[in-house]
Amino acid sequence: MGVLTNKIKREDLKPGDHIYSYRLAYTYSHHGIYVDKGNVIHFTRGEGQEIGTGTGLDHIIGSSLPQHPLDNPCPICSDQSRSDGVISSCIDCFLSGGDVYRYEYGVTPAFFLAKARGGTCTRASSESEEQVIHRAFYFLRKGFGVYDVMKNNCEDFALCCKTGWKVIPTVDGGQSGQAATFQAAAGVILSVPVAFLARSSPVGYAATSVARLVASCGTFCVNRYINDIGVRRDVVKVVLEE
């Protein structure tokens, strides 16, 4: 655990840990709450769900779970790959062949900014193990709303279980660390005036490129930071109603 990686060994997992594993060659990560005895509660789109981005990207992302043949379901947690919403599965199905990483809570501003990739840590503090697991099982029974890859995803679910906070749903932008990072990166890319750079001299191009790189890095870091659930103020405490 540290600035370079949050990778841990399975035997080091503790009940109430927020864990994640990368998918599609580290393109994105899937998040969940480790309960105990190799069980993970997590929020997934499910197979064939016409939800998420509302674009063709949904067909690429697909389900966050491994697909077992119909006649050969997982012997531990059965065939959860065709379920949707908040589900409980074994850690092998959750990891889908990947490594396990532990999300970090209560990090310093410097540590947060040093983690260039979002979806790995937060400034917010975690509540107790008992409260985290209680919320996870509550959402397992009651659900966590409709899955949306930008506004209500697996990381949002795990963050809510750990902190009890949820971003107000009327917000247009992404809510989780991953979503905020993708949006910040897209904003930086779109801000570069390609046509202007093409007309510049080699020296002017180099100088402009360096200046814009520095400015873009600053913009990227600021956007990530202000969208962290431990910093932003457009959040509400979730009340669990039995």
C-alpha atoms as a PDB file:
ATOM      1  CA  MET A   1       0.000   0.000   0.000  1.00  0.00           C
ATOM      2  CA  GLY A   2       1.286   3.440  -0.870  1.00  0.00           C
ATOM      3  CA  VAL A   3       1.507   6.092  -3.551  1.00  0.00           C
ATOM      4  CA  LEU A   4       2.532   3.653  -6.284  1.00  0.00           C
ATOM      5  CA  THR A   5       0.017   0.871  -5.665  1.00  0.00           C
ATOM      6  CA  ASN A   6      -2.840  -0.207  -3.388  1.00  0.00           C
ATOM      7  CA  LYS A   7      -2.363  -3.877  -4.200  1.00  0.00           C
ATOM      8  CA  ILE A   8      -2.671  -6.242  -1.249  1.00  0.00           C
ATOM      9  CA  LYS A   9      -2.729  -9.965  -0.556  1.00  0.00           C
ATOM     10  CA  ARG A  10      -6.022 -11.755   0.005  1.00  0.00           C
ATOM     11  CA  GLU A  11      -4.957 -12.872   3.470  1.00  0.00           C
ATOM     12  CA  ASP A  12      -4.588  -9.209   4.466  1.00  0.00           C
ATOM     13  CA  LEU A  13      -8.218  -8.386   3.715  1.00  0.00           C
ATOM     14  CA  LYS A  14     -10.377  -7.246   6.630  1.00  0.00           C
ATOM     15  CA  PRO A  15     -14.183  -7.159   6.926  1.00  0.00           C
ATOM     16  CA  GLY A  16     -15.460  -3.772   5.799  1.00  0.00           C
ATOM     17  CA  ASP A  17     -12.589  -3.130   3.380  1.00  0.00           C
ATOM     18  CA  HIS A  18     -13.405  -1.248   0.182  1.00  0.00           C
ATOM     19  CA  ILE A  19     -11.665  -3.273  -2.502  1.00  0.00           C
ATOM     20  CA  TYR A  20     -11.392  -3.046  -6.260  1.00  0.00           C
ATOM     21  CA  SER A  21      -9.940  -4.867  -9.248  1.00  0.00           C
ATOM     22  CA  TYR A  22      -9.065  -3.612 -12.720  1.00  0.00           C
ATOM     23  CA  ARG A  23     -10.896  -4.635 -15.897  1.00  0.00           C
ATOM     24  CA  LEU A  24     -10.186  -4.433 -19.632  1.00  0.00           C
ATOM     25  CA  ALA A  25      -6.409  -4.035 -19.339  1.00  0.00           C
ATOM     26  CA  TYR A  26      -6.625  -1.436 -16.537  1.00  0.00           C
ATOM     27  CA  THR A  27      -9.165   0.674 -18.437  1.00  0.00           C
ATOM     28  CA  TYR A  28     -11.461   0.873 -15.410  1.00  0.00           C
ATOM     29  CA  SER A  29     -11.913  -0.796 -12.026  1.00  0.00           C
ATOM     30  CA  HIS A  30     -14.779  -2.593 -10.327  1.00  0.00           C
ATOM     31  CA  HIS A  31     -15.417  -1.836  -6.628  1.00  0.00           C
ATOM     32  CA  GLY A  32     -17.079  -3.610  -3.726  1.00  0.00           C
ATOM     33  CA  ILE A  33     -17.141  -4.161   0.027  1.00  0.00           C
ATOM     34  CA  TYR A  34     -15.375  -7.209   1.444  1.00  0.00           C
ATOM     35  CA  VAL A  35     -17.682  -8.752   4.039  1.00  0.00           C
ATOM     36  CA  ASP A  36     -15.972 -11.872   5.361  1.00  0.00           C
ATOM     37  CA  LYS A  37     -14.992 -15.426   4.482  1.00  0.00           C
ATOM     38  CA  GLY A  38     -14.300 -14.538   0.853  1.00  0.00           C
ATOM     39  CA  ASN A  39     -17.626 -12.786   0.240  1.00  0.00           C
ATOM     40  CA  VAL A  40     -17.961  -9.404  -1.493  1.00  0.00           C
ATOM     41  CA  ILE A  41     -21.056  -7.188  -1.809  1.00  0.00           C
ATOM     42  CA  HIS A  42     -20.961  -4.975  -4.875  1.00  0.00           C
ATOM     43  CA  PHE A  43     -23.087  -3.030  -7.350  1.00  0.00           C
ATOM     44  CA  THR A  44     -23.174  -4.236 -10.965  1.00  0.00           C
ATOM     45  CA  ARG A  45     -24.979  -3.473 -14.177  1.00  0.00           C
ATOM     46  CA  GLY A  46     -25.867  -7.079 -14.862  1.00  0.00           C
ATOM     47  CA  GLU A  47     -26.093  -8.800 -18.227  1.00  0.00           C
ATOM     48  CA  GLY A  48     -28.181  -7.165 -20.929  1.00  0.00           C
ATOM     49  CA  GLN A  49     -29.107  -4.068 -18.943  1.00  0.00           C
ATOM     50  CA  GLU A  50     -29.868  -1.027 -21.122  1.00  0.00           C
ATOM     51  CA  ILE A  51     -28.470   1.340 -18.511  1.00  0.00           C
ATOM     52  CA  GLY A  52     -25.179   3.066 -17.838  1.00  0.00           C
ATOM     53  CA  THR A  53     -23.954   5.639 -20.358  1.00  0.00           C
ATOM     54  CA  GLY A  54     -26.891   5.208 -22.713  1.00  0.00           C
ATOM     55  CA  THR A  55     -24.410   4.817 -25.585  1.00  0.00           C
ATOM     56  CA  GLY A  56     -22.649   2.051 -27.462  1.00  0.00           C
ATOM     57  CA  LEU A  57     -20.055   2.033 -24.671  1.00  0.00           C
ATOM     58  CA  ASP A  58     -22.466  -0.045 -22.582  1.00  0.00           C
ATOM     59  CA  HIS A  59     -22.044  -2.967 -24.964  1.00  0.00           C
ATOM     60  CA  ILE A  60     -18.266  -2.805 -24.536  1.00  0.00           C
ATOM     61  CA  ILE A  61     -18.297  -2.548 -20.762  1.00  0.00           C
ATOM     62  CA  GLY A  62     -20.892  -5.273 -20.304  1.00  0.00           C
ATOM     63  CA  SER A  63     -21.266  -6.954 -16.960  1.00  0.00           C
ATOM     64  CA  SER A  64     -18.554  -6.522 -14.350  1.00  0.00           C
ATOM     65  CA  LEU A  65     -18.740 -10.207 -13.519  1.00  0.00           C
ATOM     66  CA  PRO A  66     -17.252 -13.237 -15.272  1.00  0.00           C
ATOM     67  CA  GLN A  67     -19.658 -15.161 -17.459  1.00  0.00           C
ATOM     68  CA  HIS A  68     -20.168 -18.797 -16.437  1.00  0.00           C
ATOM     69  CA  PRO A  69     -21.821 -21.304 -18.767  1.00  0.00           C
ATOM     70  CA  LEU A  70     -25.491 -21.831 -17.941  1.00  0.00           C
ATOM     71  CA  ASP A  71     -24.863 -25.496 -17.143  1.00  0.00           C
ATOM     72  CA  ASN A  72     -21.759 -24.791 -15.034  1.00  0.00           C
ATOM     73  CA  PRO A  73     -22.374 -21.914 -12.583  1.00  0.00           C
ATOM     74  CA  CYS A  74     -19.857 -20.882  -9.950  1.00  0.00           C
ATOM     75  CA  PRO A  75     -19.864 -23.637  -7.279  1.00  0.00           C
ATOM     76  CA  ILE A  76     -19.464 -21.047  -4.495  1.00  0.00           C
ATOM     77  CA  CYS A  77     -21.897 -18.238  -5.290  1.00  0.00           C
ATOM     78  CA  SER A  78     -23.956 -19.774  -8.105  1.00  0.00           C
ATOM     79  CA  ASP A  79     -24.457 -17.768 -11.302  1.00  0.00           C
ATOM     80  CA  GLN A  80     -24.395 -14.134 -10.202  1.00  0.00           C
ATOM     81  CA  SER A  81     -23.082 -12.975 -13.596  1.00  0.00           C
ATOM     82  CA  ARG A  82     -26.641 -12.611 -14.877  1.00  0.00           C
ATOM     83  CA  SER A  83     -27.860 -10.647 -11.875  1.00  0.00           C
ATOM     84  CA  ASP A  84     -28.106  -6.896 -11.641  1.00  0.00           C
ATOM     85  CA  GLY A  85     -28.042  -4.307  -8.880  1.00  0.00           C
ATOM     86  CA  VAL A  86     -26.422  -4.978  -5.505  1.00  0.00           C
ATOM     87  CA  ILE A  87     -25.296  -8.589  -5.246  1.00  0.00           C
ATOM     88  CA  SER A  88     -23.157 -10.837  -3.061  1.00  0.00           C
ATOM     89  CA  SER A  89     -20.565 -13.048  -4.717  1.00  0.00           C
ATOM     90  CA  CYS A  90     -17.367 -14.897  -3.909  1.00  0.00           C
ATOM     91  CA  ILE A  91     -14.125 -12.993  -4.216  1.00  0.00           C
ATOM     92  CA  ASP A  92     -13.000 -15.086  -7.195  1.00  0.00           C
ATOM     93  CA  CYS A  93     -16.012 -13.990  -9.229  1.00  0.00           C
ATOM     94  CA  PHE A  94     -15.587 -10.409  -8.041  1.00  0.00           C
ATOM     95  CA  LEU A  95     -11.921 -10.268  -9.070  1.00  0.00           C
ATOM     96  CA  SER A  96     -12.583 -12.054 -12.360  1.00  0.00           C
ATOM     97  CA  GLY A  97      -8.965 -13.170 -12.592  1.00  0.00           C
ATOM     98  CA  GLY A  98      -7.507  -9.816 -11.519  1.00  0.00           C
ATOM     99  CA  ASP A  99      -5.554  -8.721  -8.465  1.00  0.00           C
ATOM    100  CA  VAL A 100      -7.115  -7.203  -5.361  1.00  0.00           C
ATOM    101  CA  TYR A 101      -6.517  -3.577  -4.338  1.00  0.00           C
ATOM    102  CA  ARG A 102      -7.662  -1.761  -1.197  1.00  0.00           C
ATOM    103  CA  TYR A 103      -9.134   1.748  -1.423  1.00  0.00           C
ATOM    104  CA  GLU A 104      -7.569   4.205   1.020  1.00  0.00           C
ATOM    105  CA  TYR A 105      -9.528   6.602   3.260  1.00  0.00           C
ATOM    106  CA  GLY A 106      -8.589   9.726   5.169  1.00  0.00           C
ATOM    107  CA  VAL A 107      -5.534  10.495   3.030  1.00  0.00           C
ATOM    108  CA  THR A 108      -3.755  13.855   3.099  1.00  0.00           C
ATOM    109  CA  PRO A 109      -4.191  16.377   0.242  1.00  0.00           C
ATOM    110  CA  ALA A 110      -0.596  15.746  -0.881  1.00  0.00           C
ATOM    111  CA  PHE A 111      -1.132  11.965  -0.966  1.00  0.00           C
ATOM    112  CA  PHE A 112      -4.421  12.372  -2.839  1.00  0.00           C
ATOM    113  CA  LEU A 113      -2.839  14.550  -5.539  1.00  0.00           C
ATOM    114  CA  ALA A 114       0.157  12.219  -5.810  1.00  0.00           C
ATOM    115  CA  LYS A 115      -2.261   9.476  -6.836  1.00  0.00           C
ATOM    116  CA  ALA A 116      -2.655  10.594 -10.441  1.00  0.00           C
ATOM    117  CA  ARG A 117      -5.281   7.936 -11.102  1.00  0.00           C
ATOM    118  CA  GLY A 118      -8.702   8.426  -9.572  1.00  0.00           C
ATOM    119  CA  GLY A 119     -10.756   5.714  -7.922  1.00  0.00           C
ATOM    120  CA  THR A 120      -7.993   4.669  -5.510  1.00  0.00           C
ATOM    121  CA  CYS A 121      -8.322   6.915  -2.437  1.00  0.00           C
ATOM    122  CA  THR A 122     -10.329   9.715  -0.841  1.00  0.00           C
ATOM    123  CA  ARG A 123      -9.968  12.503   1.691  1.00  0.00           C
ATOM    124  CA  ALA A 124     -13.117  11.228   3.421  1.00  0.00           C
ATOM    125  CA  SER A 125     -12.839   9.127   6.578  1.00  0.00           C
ATOM    126  CA  SER A 126     -14.297   5.653   6.831  1.00  0.00           C
ATOM    127  CA  GLU A 127     -16.808   4.774   9.516  1.00  0.00           C
ATOM    128  CA  SER A 128     -16.562   1.658  11.662  1.00  0.00           C
ATOM    129  CA  GLU A 129     -16.410  -1.870  10.278  1.00  0.00           C
ATOM    130  CA  GLU A 130     -19.841  -2.622  11.757  1.00  0.00           C
ATOM    131  CA  GLN A 131     -21.454   0.417  10.132  1.00  0.00           C
ATOM    132  CA  VAL A 132     -19.871  -0.326   6.752  1.00  0.00           C
ATOM    133  CA  ILE A 133     -21.039  -3.944   6.697  1.00  0.00           C
ATOM    134  CA  HIS A 134     -24.490  -2.952   7.972  1.00  0.00           C
ATOM    135  CA  ARG A 135     -24.914  -0.528   5.048  1.00  0.00           C
ATOM    136  CA  ALA A 136     -23.645  -3.081   2.543  1.00  0.00           C
ATOM    137  CA  PHE A 137     -26.214  -5.670   3.661  1.00  0.00           C
ATOM    138  CA  TYR A 138     -28.924  -2.993   3.778  1.00  0.00           C
ATOM    139  CA  PHE A 139     -28.278  -2.089   0.129  1.00  0.00           C
ATOM    140  CA  LEU A 140     -28.128  -5.794  -0.711  1.00  0.00           C
ATOM    141  CA  ARG A 141     -31.743  -6.045   0.507  1.00  0.00           C
ATOM    142  CA  LYS A 142     -33.058  -2.651  -0.590  1.00  0.00           C
ATOM    143  CA  GLY A 143     -30.966  -1.844  -3.665  1.00  0.00           C
ATOM    144  CA  PHE A 144     -28.885   1.191  -4.580  1.00  0.00           C
ATOM    145  CA  GLY A 145     -30.966   2.694  -7.365  1.00  0.00           C
ATOM    146  CA  VAL A 146     -30.388   2.384 -11.098  1.00  0.00           C
ATOM    147  CA  TYR A 147     -26.809   1.804 -12.187  1.00  0.00           C
ATOM    148  CA  ASP A 148     -25.250   4.669 -14.142  1.00  0.00           C
ATOM    149  CA  VAL A 149     -21.599   4.459 -15.142  1.00  0.00           C
ATOM    150  CA  MET A 150     -21.037   8.179 -14.470  1.00  0.00           C
ATOM    151  CA  LYS A 151     -23.504   9.078 -11.722  1.00  0.00           C
ATOM    152  CA  ASN A 152     -24.306   5.939  -9.723  1.00  0.00           C
ATOM    153  CA  ASN A 153     -21.731   3.209 -10.129  1.00  0.00           C
ATOM    154  CA  CYS A 154     -19.913   0.548  -8.116  1.00  0.00           C
ATOM    155  CA  GLU A 155     -17.436   3.033  -6.644  1.00  0.00           C
ATOM    156  CA  ASP A 156     -20.271   5.340  -5.533  1.00  0.00           C
ATOM    157  CA  PHE A 157     -21.836   2.319  -3.824  1.00  0.00           C
ATOM    158  CA  ALA A 158     -18.647   1.377  -1.962  1.00  0.00           C
ATOM    159  CA  LEU A 159     -17.978   5.010  -0.970  1.00  0.00           C
ATOM    160  CA  CYS A 160     -21.497   5.300   0.433  1.00  0.00           C
ATOM    161  CA  CYS A 161     -21.083   2.085   2.429  1.00  0.00           C
ATOM    162  CA  LYS A 162     -17.809   3.339   3.903  1.00  0.00           C
ATOM    163  CA  THR A 163     -18.750   6.958   4.646  1.00  0.00           C
ATOM    164  CA  GLY A 164     -22.553   7.128   4.641  1.00  0.00           C
ATOM    165  CA  TRP A 165     -22.336  10.023   2.158  1.00  0.00           C
ATOM    166  CA  LYS A 166     -23.846  10.205  -1.304  1.00  0.00           C
ATOM    167  CA  VAL A 167     -23.594  12.985  -3.867  1.00  0.00           C
ATOM    168  CA  ILE A 168     -26.885  14.804  -4.474  1.00  0.00           C
ATOM    169  CA  PRO A 169     -28.375  13.086  -7.565  1.00  0.00           C
ATOM    170  CA  THR A 170     -29.230  16.336  -9.354  1.00  0.00           C
ATOM    171  CA  VAL A 171     -25.542  17.030 -10.008  1.00  0.00           C
ATOM    172  CA  ASP A 172     -24.737  16.739 -13.726  1.00  0.00           C
ATOM    173  CA  GLY A 173     -21.094  15.720 -13.428  1.00  0.00           C
ATOM    174  CA  GLY A 174     -19.504  12.455 -12.419  1.00  0.00           C
ATOM    175  CA  GLN A 175     -19.518  11.578  -8.742  1.00  0.00           C
ATOM    176  CA  SER A 176     -16.966   8.844  -8.068  1.00  0.00           C
ATOM    177  CA  GLY A 177     -13.193   9.171  -8.279  1.00  0.00           C
ATOM    178  CA  GLN A 178     -13.039   7.329 -11.587  1.00  0.00           C
ATOM    179  CA  ALA A 179     -15.824   9.387 -13.155  1.00  0.00           C
ATOM    180  CA  ALA A 180     -14.277  12.663 -11.965  1.00  0.00           C
ATOM    181  CA  THR A 181     -10.882  11.624 -13.346  1.00  0.00           C
ATOM    182  CA  PHE A 182     -12.299  10.716 -16.760  1.00  0.00           C
ATOM    183  CA  GLN A 183     -14.139  14.041 -16.937  1.00  0.00           C
ATOM    184  CA  ALA A 184     -11.096  16.017 -15.805  1.00  0.00           C
ATOM    185  CA  ALA A 185      -8.912  14.297 -18.405  1.00  0.00           C
ATOM    186  CA  ALA A 186     -11.481  14.889 -21.155  1.00  0.00           C
ATOM    187  CA  GLY A 187     -11.673  18.555 -20.229  1.00  0.00           C
ATOM    188  CA  VAL A 188      -7.901  18.910 -20.486  1.00  0.00           C
ATOM    189  CA  ILE A 189      -7.763  17.212 -23.884  1.00  0.00           C
ATOM    190  CA  LEU A 190     -10.583  19.304 -25.327  1.00  0.00           C
ATOM    191  CA  SER A 191      -8.981  22.517 -24.085  1.00  0.00           C
ATOM    192  CA  VAL A 192      -5.903  22.127 -26.318  1.00  0.00           C
ATOM    193  CA  PRO A 193      -6.229  24.318 -29.456  1.00  0.00           C
ATOM    194  CA  VAL A 194      -4.945  21.827 -32.031  1.00  0.00           C
ATOM    195  CA  ALA A 195      -5.333  24.194 -34.987  1.00  0.00           C
ATOM    196  CA  PHE A 196      -3.304  26.912 -33.241  1.00  0.00           C
ATOM    197  CA  LEU A 197      -0.499  24.533 -32.384  1.00  0.00           C
ATOM    198  CA  ALA A 198      -0.327  23.283 -35.953  1.00  0.00           C
ATOM    199  CA  ARG A 199       0.337  26.834 -37.239  1.00  0.00           C
ATOM    200  CA  SER A 200       3.027  27.618 -34.652  1.00  0.00           C
ATOM    201  CA  SER A 201       6.754  27.546 -35.314  1.00  0.00           C
ATOM    202  CA  PRO A 202       8.729  24.620 -33.810  1.00  0.00           C
ATOM    203  CA  VAL A 203      10.007  26.816 -30.979  1.00  0.00           C
ATOM    204  CA  GLY A 204       6.613  28.366 -30.398  1.00  0.00           C
ATOM    205  CA  TYR A 205       5.014  24.944 -30.536  1.00  0.00           C
ATOM    206  CA  ALA A 206       7.427  23.575 -27.922  1.00  0.00           C
ATOM    207  CA  ALA A 207       7.020  26.554 -25.594  1.00  0.00           C
ATOM    208  CA  THR A 208       3.250  26.551 -25.928  1.00  0.00           C
ATOM    209  CA  SER A 209       3.118  22.796 -25.403  1.00  0.00           C
ATOM    210  CA  VAL A 210       5.131  22.952 -22.164  1.00  0.00           C
ATOM    211  CA  ALA A 211       3.080  25.860 -20.835  1.00  0.00           C
ATOM    212  CA  ARG A 212      -0.187  24.151 -21.650  1.00  0.00           C
ATOM    213  CA  LEU A 213       1.038  20.857 -20.204  1.00  0.00           C
ATOM    214  CA  VAL A 214       1.780  22.524 -16.879  1.00  0.00           C
ATOM    215  CA  ALA A 215      -1.553  24.355 -16.905  1.00  0.00           C
ATOM    216  CA  SER A 216      -3.410  21.197 -17.905  1.00  0.00           C
ATOM    217  CA  CYS A 217      -1.818  19.172 -15.096  1.00  0.00           C
ATOM    218  CA  GLY A 218      -2.866  21.842 -12.631  1.00  0.00           C
ATOM    219  CA  THR A 219      -6.410  21.890 -13.978  1.00  0.00           C
ATOM    220  CA  PHE A 220      -6.579  18.104 -13.894  1.00  0.00           C
ATOM    221  CA  CYS A 221      -5.435  17.957 -10.250  1.00  0.00           C
ATOM    222  CA  VAL A 222      -7.794  20.725  -9.124  1.00  0.00           C
ATOM    223  CA  ASN A 223     -10.795  19.116 -10.831  1.00  0.00           C
ATOM    224  CA  ARG A 224     -10.008  15.745  -9.262  1.00  0.00           C
ATOM    225  CA  TYR A 225      -9.586  17.254  -5.815  1.00  0.00           C
ATOM    226  CA  ILE A 226     -12.747  19.379  -5.736  1.00  0.00           C
ATOM    227  CA  ASN A 227     -14.821  16.409  -6.911  1.00  0.00           C
ATOM    228  CA  ASP A 228     -13.608  14.098  -4.148  1.00  0.00           C
ATOM    229  CA  ILE A 229     -16.442  13.080  -1.831  1.00  0.00           C
ATOM    230  CA  GLY A 230     -14.283  14.055   1.139  1.00  0.00           C
ATOM    231  CA  VAL A 231     -14.059  17.662  -0.094  1.00  0.00           C
ATOM    232  CA  ARG A 232     -17.229  18.507  -1.992  1.00  0.00           C
ATOM    233  CA  ARG A 233     -20.251  19.892  -0.146  1.00  0.00           C
ATOM    234  CA  ASP A 234     -23.098  18.721  -2.409  1.00  0.00           C
ATOM    235  CA  VAL A 235     -23.474  15.478  -0.467  1.00  0.00           C
ATOM    236  CA  VAL A 236     -26.163  14.106   1.817  1.00  0.00           C
ATOM    237  CA  LYS A 237     -26.031  11.576   4.624  1.00  0.00           C
ATOM    238  CA  VAL A 238     -27.917   8.440   3.638  1.00  0.00           C
ATOM    239  CA  VAL A 239     -30.642   7.425   6.082  1.00  0.00           C
ATOM    240  CA  LEU A 240     -31.303   3.703   6.222  1.00  0.00           C
ATOM    241  CA  GLU A 241     -35.009   3.025   6.561  1.00  0.00           C
ATOM    242  CA  GLU A 242     -35.913  -0.528   7.413  1.00  0.00           C
END
